Amino acid sequence: MRILLVEDEKRMAQALCEILRLEKYEVDHYANGIDGLAAIESNIYDIAILDVMLPGMNGYEIAKQARGKGITTPILMLTAKAELDDKVTGLDSGADDYLTKPFMTKELLARLRALGRRTLGTIDNTLSFGDIILDTHTLILSCTANGQSVRLSEKEYRILEYLIANGGRILTREQLAVKIWGYESDAEYNNVEVYMSFTRKKLAFIEAKTAIKAVRGIGYELRCEDV
């Protein structure tokens, strides 16, 4: 799962990035509202964490503009203000949840898990499509038809997670590269091809009817036939 963090307080941002990465989240951090808005508008994030007080543009305005452009990414708003009116303003701007600083790490992670379940439609920490089930904790991929299973690498898991979350829609190589490796990465399209090949082999190993199909000149889609 890829998270956008927009936080200008350096120590807070560093601490949050470390906590989230330890929990196996992919995190991209921006320190001002202008860059934060551009990032959320890319629509590659599963969750956005927005501080309210930011240089360039505050978190309320980022949420409002993003929602105005049809971005549905769940937003968790962070603020030092605990007044009811501030919470109402945040929620009315388009935020899905609100957390007041200082907060406990356990509470932050619990709220992110709740938003993540909403985003990916997870039930009991699993994702499913066709005849496959993907365990989001153990990274084990299973076939419901025969019970066979195999553990995925982190990148293989990210690829299948993204494909399942998009319900069989075609995803371009660029979307996959940015989603899995991020904007700041040096990863190229051949990285997508290599890990796509690995992931396909895992699906073949468990003899799933669900398969990753290449769409010439566009990208890939997850497809399941005769289930």
C-alpha atoms as a PDB file:
ATOM      1  CA  MET A   1       0.000   0.000   0.000  1.00  0.00           C
ATOM      2  CA  ARG A   2       1.414   3.426  -0.974  1.00  0.00           C
ATOM      3  CA  ILE A   3       0.846   6.372   1.345  1.00  0.00           C
ATOM      4  CA  LEU A   4       1.246  10.074   0.648  1.00  0.00           C
ATOM      5  CA  LEU A   5       2.495  12.105   3.624  1.00  0.00           C
ATOM      6  CA  VAL A   6       2.307  15.909   3.437  1.00  0.00           C
ATOM      7  CA  GLU A   7       3.957  17.296   6.563  1.00  0.00           C
ATOM      8  CA  ASP A   8       6.286  20.296   6.862  1.00  0.00           C
ATOM      9  CA  GLU A   9       7.587  19.624  10.368  1.00  0.00           C
ATOM     10  CA  LYS A  10      10.866  17.830   9.647  1.00  0.00           C
ATOM     11  CA  ARG A  11      11.136  15.688  12.788  1.00  0.00           C
ATOM     12  CA  MET A  12       7.490  14.670  12.639  1.00  0.00           C
ATOM     13  CA  ALA A  13       7.824  13.735   8.965  1.00  0.00           C
ATOM     14  CA  GLN A  14      10.969  11.675   9.562  1.00  0.00           C
ATOM     15  CA  ALA A  15       9.365   9.842  12.477  1.00  0.00           C
ATOM     16  CA  LEU A  16       6.178   9.087  10.541  1.00  0.00           C
ATOM     17  CA  CYS A  17       8.089   7.868   7.492  1.00  0.00           C
ATOM     18  CA  GLU A  18      10.150   5.527   9.670  1.00  0.00           C
ATOM     19  CA  ILE A  19       7.085   4.184  11.478  1.00  0.00           C
ATOM     20  CA  LEU A  20       5.152   3.598   8.264  1.00  0.00           C
ATOM     21  CA  ARG A  21       8.048   1.917   6.472  1.00  0.00           C
ATOM     22  CA  LEU A  22       8.573  -0.403   9.428  1.00  0.00           C
ATOM     23  CA  GLU A  23       4.925  -1.387   8.953  1.00  0.00           C
ATOM     24  CA  LYS A  24       5.733  -2.203   5.296  1.00  0.00           C
ATOM     25  CA  TYR A  25       3.923   0.794   3.810  1.00  0.00           C
ATOM     26  CA  GLU A  26       5.444   2.570   0.812  1.00  0.00           C
ATOM     27  CA  VAL A  27       5.674   6.279   1.679  1.00  0.00           C
ATOM     28  CA  ASP A  28       6.241   9.421  -0.389  1.00  0.00           C
ATOM     29  CA  HIS A  29       6.785  12.611   1.603  1.00  0.00           C
ATOM     30  CA  TYR A  30       6.239  16.244   0.580  1.00  0.00           C
ATOM     31  CA  ALA A  31       6.795  19.266   2.794  1.00  0.00           C
ATOM     32  CA  ASN A  32       4.464  21.850   1.245  1.00  0.00           C
ATOM     33  CA  GLY A  33       0.881  22.089   0.107  1.00  0.00           C
ATOM     34  CA  ILE A  34       1.556  22.816  -3.564  1.00  0.00           C
ATOM     35  CA  ASP A  35       3.612  19.645  -4.054  1.00  0.00           C
ATOM     36  CA  GLY A  36       1.166  17.739  -1.870  1.00  0.00           C
ATOM     37  CA  LEU A  37      -1.772  18.684  -4.087  1.00  0.00           C
ATOM     38  CA  ALA A  38       0.095  17.683  -7.250  1.00  0.00           C
ATOM     39  CA  ALA A  39       0.987  14.354  -5.650  1.00  0.00           C
ATOM     40  CA  ILE A  40      -2.535  13.460  -4.526  1.00  0.00           C
ATOM     41  CA  GLU A  41      -3.879  14.438  -7.962  1.00  0.00           C
ATOM     42  CA  SER A  42      -1.647  11.759  -9.500  1.00  0.00           C
ATOM     43  CA  ASN A  43      -4.185   9.313  -8.036  1.00  0.00           C
ATOM     44  CA  ILE A  44      -1.579   6.622  -7.286  1.00  0.00           C
ATOM     45  CA  TYR A  45      -1.949   6.666  -3.500  1.00  0.00           C
ATOM     46  CA  ASP A  46      -4.068   4.368  -1.374  1.00  0.00           C
ATOM     47  CA  ILE A  47      -4.174   6.847   1.536  1.00  0.00           C
ATOM     48  CA  ALA A  48      -3.101  10.473   1.995  1.00  0.00           C
ATOM     49  CA  ILE A  49      -1.998  11.876   5.366  1.00  0.00           C
ATOM     50  CA  LEU A  50      -2.269  15.678   5.322  1.00  0.00           C
ATOM     51  CA  ASP A  51      -1.093  18.116   7.948  1.00  0.00           C
ATOM     52  CA  VAL A  52      -3.409  21.121   8.224  1.00  0.00           C
ATOM     53  CA  MET A  53      -0.825  23.895   8.595  1.00  0.00           C
ATOM     54  CA  LEU A  54       1.396  23.760   5.506  1.00  0.00           C
ATOM     55  CA  PRO A  55       3.355  26.320   3.493  1.00  0.00           C
ATOM     56  CA  GLY A  56       1.863  27.174   0.116  1.00  0.00           C
ATOM     57  CA  MET A  57      -1.551  25.610   0.725  1.00  0.00           C
ATOM     58  CA  ASN A  58      -3.135  24.187   3.861  1.00  0.00           C
ATOM     59  CA  GLY A  59      -4.447  20.655   4.234  1.00  0.00           C
ATOM     60  CA  TYR A  60      -8.082  21.750   4.075  1.00  0.00           C
ATOM     61  CA  GLU A  61      -7.539  23.326   0.653  1.00  0.00           C
ATOM     62  CA  ILE A  62      -5.633  20.284  -0.636  1.00  0.00           C
ATOM     63  CA  ALA A  63      -8.528  18.036   0.359  1.00  0.00           C
ATOM     64  CA  LYS A  64     -11.117  20.393  -1.092  1.00  0.00           C
ATOM     65  CA  GLN A  65      -9.358  20.760  -4.436  1.00  0.00           C
ATOM     66  CA  ALA A  66      -8.617  17.039  -4.691  1.00  0.00           C
ATOM     67  CA  ARG A  67     -12.255  16.138  -4.063  1.00  0.00           C
ATOM     68  CA  GLY A  68     -13.328  18.780  -6.577  1.00  0.00           C
ATOM     69  CA  LYS A  69     -11.273  16.976  -9.212  1.00  0.00           C
ATOM     70  CA  GLY A  70     -12.788  13.607  -8.432  1.00  0.00           C
ATOM     71  CA  ILE A  71      -9.923  12.177  -6.388  1.00  0.00           C
ATOM     72  CA  THR A  72     -11.371   9.606  -3.983  1.00  0.00           C
ATOM     73  CA  THR A  73      -8.172   8.693  -2.103  1.00  0.00           C
ATOM     74  CA  PRO A  74      -8.984   8.386   1.623  1.00  0.00           C
ATOM     75  CA  ILE A  75      -7.554  11.354   3.544  1.00  0.00           C
ATOM     76  CA  LEU A  76      -6.414  11.365   7.165  1.00  0.00           C
ATOM     77  CA  MET A  77      -6.005  14.935   8.446  1.00  0.00           C
ATOM     78  CA  LEU A  78      -3.386  15.730  11.090  1.00  0.00           C
ATOM     79  CA  THR A  79      -3.609  18.874  13.186  1.00  0.00           C
ATOM     80  CA  ALA A  80      -2.527  20.381  16.489  1.00  0.00           C
ATOM     81  CA  LYS A  81      -6.022  21.855  16.846  1.00  0.00           C
ATOM     82  CA  ALA A  82      -8.562  19.855  18.815  1.00  0.00           C
ATOM     83  CA  GLU A  83     -11.553  22.182  18.612  1.00  0.00           C
ATOM     84  CA  LEU A  84     -14.762  20.752  17.190  1.00  0.00           C
ATOM     85  CA  ASP A  85     -15.028  23.477  14.539  1.00  0.00           C
ATOM     86  CA  ASP A  86     -11.592  22.557  13.167  1.00  0.00           C
ATOM     87  CA  LYS A  87     -12.576  18.904  12.914  1.00  0.00           C
ATOM     88  CA  VAL A  88     -15.803  19.838  11.151  1.00  0.00           C
ATOM     89  CA  THR A  89     -13.864  22.042   8.715  1.00  0.00           C
ATOM     90  CA  GLY A  90     -11.533  19.177   7.898  1.00  0.00           C
ATOM     91  CA  LEU A  91     -14.319  16.679   7.337  1.00  0.00           C
ATOM     92  CA  ASP A  92     -16.332  19.160   5.292  1.00  0.00           C
ATOM     93  CA  SER A  93     -13.257  19.773   3.118  1.00  0.00           C
ATOM     94  CA  GLY A  94     -13.236  16.110   2.147  1.00  0.00           C
ATOM     95  CA  ALA A  95     -11.145  14.368   4.810  1.00  0.00           C
ATOM     96  CA  ASP A  96     -12.260  10.883   5.852  1.00  0.00           C
ATOM     97  CA  ASP A  97     -10.718  10.942   9.308  1.00  0.00           C
ATOM     98  CA  TYR A  98      -9.071  13.374  11.696  1.00  0.00           C
ATOM     99  CA  LEU A  99      -6.217  12.865  14.177  1.00  0.00           C
ATOM    100  CA  THR A 100      -5.065  15.467  16.695  1.00  0.00           C
ATOM    101  CA  LYS A 101      -1.387  15.902  17.575  1.00  0.00           C
ATOM    102  CA  PRO A 102       0.149  14.535  19.684  1.00  0.00           C
ATOM    103  CA  PHE A 103      -1.152  11.048  18.999  1.00  0.00           C
ATOM    104  CA  MET A 104      -0.192   7.478  19.815  1.00  0.00           C
ATOM    105  CA  THR A 105       1.419   5.403  17.078  1.00  0.00           C
ATOM    106  CA  LYS A 106      -1.072   2.573  17.709  1.00  0.00           C
ATOM    107  CA  GLU A 107      -4.000   4.892  17.039  1.00  0.00           C
ATOM    108  CA  LEU A 108      -2.466   6.217  13.819  1.00  0.00           C
ATOM    109  CA  LEU A 109      -1.835   2.704  12.524  1.00  0.00           C
ATOM    110  CA  ALA A 110      -5.335   1.554  13.501  1.00  0.00           C
ATOM    111  CA  ARG A 111      -6.887   4.444  11.589  1.00  0.00           C
ATOM    112  CA  LEU A 112      -4.709   3.704   8.555  1.00  0.00           C
ATOM    113  CA  ARG A 113      -5.746   0.051   8.619  1.00  0.00           C
ATOM    114  CA  ALA A 114      -9.399   1.089   8.707  1.00  0.00           C
ATOM    115  CA  LEU A 115      -8.921   3.433   5.750  1.00  0.00           C
ATOM    116  CA  GLY A 116      -6.939   0.750   3.937  1.00  0.00           C
ATOM    117  CA  ARG A 117      -9.741  -1.777   4.317  1.00  0.00           C
ATOM    118  CA  ARG A 118     -12.090   0.758   2.803  1.00  0.00           C
ATOM    119  CA  THR A 119      -9.723   1.399  -0.113  1.00  0.00           C
ATOM    120  CA  LEU A 120      -8.865  -2.192  -0.986  1.00  0.00           C
ATOM    121  CA  GLY A 121     -12.032  -3.901   0.180  1.00  0.00           C
ATOM    122  CA  THR A 122     -10.109  -6.288   2.417  1.00  0.00           C
ATOM    123  CA  ILE A 123     -11.975  -8.824   4.509  1.00  0.00           C
ATOM    124  CA  ASP A 124     -10.034 -10.503   7.345  1.00  0.00           C
ATOM    125  CA  ASN A 125      -6.774  -9.163   5.861  1.00  0.00           C
ATOM    126  CA  THR A 126      -7.289 -10.811   2.489  1.00  0.00           C
ATOM    127  CA  LEU A 127      -7.833  -9.641  -1.069  1.00  0.00           C
ATOM    128  CA  SER A 128      -9.557 -11.820  -3.633  1.00  0.00           C
ATOM    129  CA  PHE A 129     -10.133 -11.903  -7.371  1.00  0.00           C
ATOM    130  CA  GLY A 130     -11.425 -14.805  -9.438  1.00  0.00           C
ATOM    131  CA  ASP A 131      -9.979 -17.978  -7.914  1.00  0.00           C
ATOM    132  CA  ILE A 132      -7.117 -16.360  -5.988  1.00  0.00           C
ATOM    133  CA  ILE A 133      -6.824 -15.046  -2.431  1.00  0.00           C
ATOM    134  CA  LEU A 134      -3.975 -12.794  -1.322  1.00  0.00           C
ATOM    135  CA  ASP A 135      -3.148 -12.550   2.378  1.00  0.00           C
ATOM    136  CA  THR A 136      -2.075  -8.971   3.080  1.00  0.00           C
ATOM    137  CA  HIS A 137      -0.137  -9.926   6.233  1.00  0.00           C
ATOM    138  CA  THR A 138       1.764 -13.038   5.175  1.00  0.00           C
ATOM    139  CA  LEU A 139       1.984 -12.196   1.426  1.00  0.00           C
ATOM    140  CA  ILE A 140       0.784 -15.724   0.668  1.00  0.00           C
ATOM    141  CA  LEU A 141      -1.108 -16.218  -2.598  1.00  0.00           C
ATOM    142  CA  SER A 142      -3.593 -19.109  -2.681  1.00  0.00           C
ATOM    143  CA  CYS A 143      -5.857 -20.726  -5.252  1.00  0.00           C
ATOM    144  CA  THR A 144      -9.357 -21.417  -3.955  1.00  0.00           C
ATOM    145  CA  ALA A 145      -9.941 -24.246  -6.443  1.00  0.00           C
ATOM    146  CA  ASN A 146      -7.089 -26.517  -5.362  1.00  0.00           C
ATOM    147  CA  GLY A 147      -5.717 -25.071  -2.106  1.00  0.00           C
ATOM    148  CA  GLN A 148      -2.227 -24.577  -3.462  1.00  0.00           C
ATOM    149  CA  SER A 149      -0.304 -21.566  -2.201  1.00  0.00           C
ATOM    150  CA  VAL A 150       2.983 -19.711  -2.559  1.00  0.00           C
ATOM    151  CA  ARG A 151       4.636 -16.783  -0.812  1.00  0.00           C
ATOM    152  CA  LEU A 152       5.204 -13.653  -2.888  1.00  0.00           C
ATOM    153  CA  SER A 153       8.099 -11.246  -2.756  1.00  0.00           C
ATOM    154  CA  GLU A 154       7.265  -7.684  -1.716  1.00  0.00           C
ATOM    155  CA  LYS A 155       7.234  -6.368  -5.304  1.00  0.00           C
ATOM    156  CA  GLU A 156       5.162  -9.315  -6.545  1.00  0.00           C
ATOM    157  CA  TYR A 157       2.701  -8.649  -3.759  1.00  0.00           C
ATOM    158  CA  ARG A 158       2.491  -4.924  -4.622  1.00  0.00           C
ATOM    159  CA  ILE A 159       1.790  -5.751  -8.254  1.00  0.00           C
ATOM    160  CA  LEU A 160      -1.044  -8.162  -7.459  1.00  0.00           C
ATOM    161  CA  GLU A 161      -2.443  -5.874  -4.770  1.00  0.00           C
ATOM    162  CA  TYR A 162      -2.657  -3.025  -7.300  1.00  0.00           C
ATOM    163  CA  LEU A 163      -4.189  -5.207 -10.012  1.00  0.00           C
ATOM    164  CA  ILE A 164      -6.788  -6.656  -7.635  1.00  0.00           C
ATOM    165  CA  ALA A 165      -7.660  -3.233  -6.248  1.00  0.00           C
ATOM    166  CA  ASN A 166      -8.415  -2.052  -9.770  1.00  0.00           C
ATOM    167  CA  GLY A 167     -10.882  -4.831 -10.421  1.00  0.00           C
ATOM    168  CA  GLY A 168      -9.525  -6.119 -13.726  1.00  0.00           C
ATOM    169  CA  ARG A 169      -9.051  -2.684 -15.330  1.00  0.00           C
ATOM    170  CA  ILE A 170      -6.090  -2.203 -17.653  1.00  0.00           C
ATOM    171  CA  LEU A 171      -3.123  -0.564 -15.930  1.00  0.00           C
ATOM    172  CA  THR A 172      -0.359   1.043 -17.963  1.00  0.00           C
ATOM    173  CA  ARG A 173       3.326   0.274 -17.461  1.00  0.00           C
ATOM    174  CA  GLU A 174       3.796   3.850 -16.294  1.00  0.00           C
ATOM    175  CA  GLN A 175       1.054   3.503 -13.661  1.00  0.00           C
ATOM    176  CA  LEU A 176       2.603   0.277 -12.402  1.00  0.00           C
ATOM    177  CA  ALA A 177       6.133   1.714 -12.316  1.00  0.00           C
ATOM    178  CA  VAL A 178       5.063   4.797 -10.358  1.00  0.00           C
ATOM    179  CA  LYS A 179       2.750   2.873  -8.034  1.00  0.00           C
ATOM    180  CA  ILE A 180       5.252   0.156  -7.146  1.00  0.00           C
ATOM    181  CA  TRP A 181       8.533   2.056  -7.249  1.00  0.00           C
ATOM    182  CA  GLY A 182       7.433   5.686  -6.753  1.00  0.00           C
ATOM    183  CA  TYR A 183       8.225   8.936  -8.532  1.00  0.00           C
ATOM    184  CA  GLU A 184      11.700   9.261  -7.034  1.00  0.00           C
ATOM    185  CA  SER A 185      12.819   5.802  -8.084  1.00  0.00           C
ATOM    186  CA  ASP A 186      15.165   5.081 -10.985  1.00  0.00           C
ATOM    187  CA  ALA A 187      13.066   2.062 -11.909  1.00  0.00           C
ATOM    188  CA  GLU A 188      12.340   1.737 -15.610  1.00  0.00           C
ATOM    189  CA  TYR A 189       9.722  -0.152 -17.562  1.00  0.00           C
ATOM    190  CA  ASN A 190      11.959  -3.233 -17.747  1.00  0.00           C
ATOM    191  CA  ASN A 191      11.600  -3.516 -13.960  1.00  0.00           C
ATOM    192  CA  VAL A 192       7.861  -3.837 -14.499  1.00  0.00           C
ATOM    193  CA  GLU A 193       8.400  -6.519 -17.147  1.00  0.00           C
ATOM    194  CA  VAL A 194      10.758  -8.525 -14.930  1.00  0.00           C
ATOM    195  CA  TYR A 195       8.547  -8.520 -11.834  1.00  0.00           C
ATOM    196  CA  MET A 196       5.432  -9.064 -13.923  1.00  0.00           C
ATOM    197  CA  SER A 197       7.077 -12.221 -15.251  1.00  0.00           C
ATOM    198  CA  PHE A 198       7.880 -13.383 -11.703  1.00  0.00           C
ATOM    199  CA  THR A 199       4.295 -12.746 -10.598  1.00  0.00           C
ATOM    200  CA  ARG A 200       2.860 -14.617 -13.565  1.00  0.00           C
ATOM    201  CA  LYS A 201       5.029 -17.615 -12.696  1.00  0.00           C
ATOM    202  CA  LYS A 202       3.651 -17.612  -9.152  1.00  0.00           C
ATOM    203  CA  LEU A 203       0.093 -17.648 -10.510  1.00  0.00           C
ATOM    204  CA  ALA A 204       1.024 -20.519 -12.826  1.00  0.00           C
ATOM    205  CA  PHE A 205       2.702 -22.394  -9.950  1.00  0.00           C
ATOM    206  CA  ILE A 206      -0.536 -22.517  -7.932  1.00  0.00           C
ATOM    207  CA  GLU A 207      -2.422 -23.432 -11.142  1.00  0.00           C
ATOM    208  CA  ALA A 208      -4.807 -20.492 -10.847  1.00  0.00           C
ATOM    209  CA  LYS A 209      -7.167 -19.674 -13.682  1.00  0.00           C
ATOM    210  CA  THR A 210      -6.681 -16.021 -12.818  1.00  0.00           C
ATOM    211  CA  ALA A 211      -3.867 -14.630 -14.943  1.00  0.00           C
ATOM    212  CA  ILE A 212      -2.130 -11.365 -15.776  1.00  0.00           C
ATOM    213  CA  LYS A 213      -2.760 -10.561 -19.428  1.00  0.00           C
ATOM    214  CA  ALA A 214      -0.685  -8.153 -21.479  1.00  0.00           C
ATOM    215  CA  VAL A 215      -2.660  -5.641 -23.524  1.00  0.00           C
ATOM    216  CA  ARG A 216      -0.449  -4.746 -26.460  1.00  0.00           C
ATOM    217  CA  GLY A 217       0.767  -1.170 -26.452  1.00  0.00           C
ATOM    218  CA  ILE A 218      -1.063  -0.336 -23.220  1.00  0.00           C
ATOM    219  CA  GLY A 219      -0.208  -2.425 -20.189  1.00  0.00           C
ATOM    220  CA  TYR A 220      -1.679  -5.270 -18.145  1.00  0.00           C
ATOM    221  CA  GLU A 221      -4.949  -6.476 -16.684  1.00  0.00           C
ATOM    222  CA  LEU A 222      -5.947  -9.224 -14.275  1.00  0.00           C
ATOM    223  CA  ARG A 223      -8.348 -11.660 -15.894  1.00  0.00           C
ATOM    224  CA  CYS A 224     -10.068 -14.820 -14.753  1.00  0.00           C
ATOM    225  CA  GLU A 225     -11.906 -17.166 -17.093  1.00  0.00           C
ATOM    226  CA  ASP A 226     -14.027 -20.254 -16.509  1.00  0.00           C
ATOM    227  CA  VAL A 227     -14.186 -20.011 -12.728  1.00  0.00           C
END
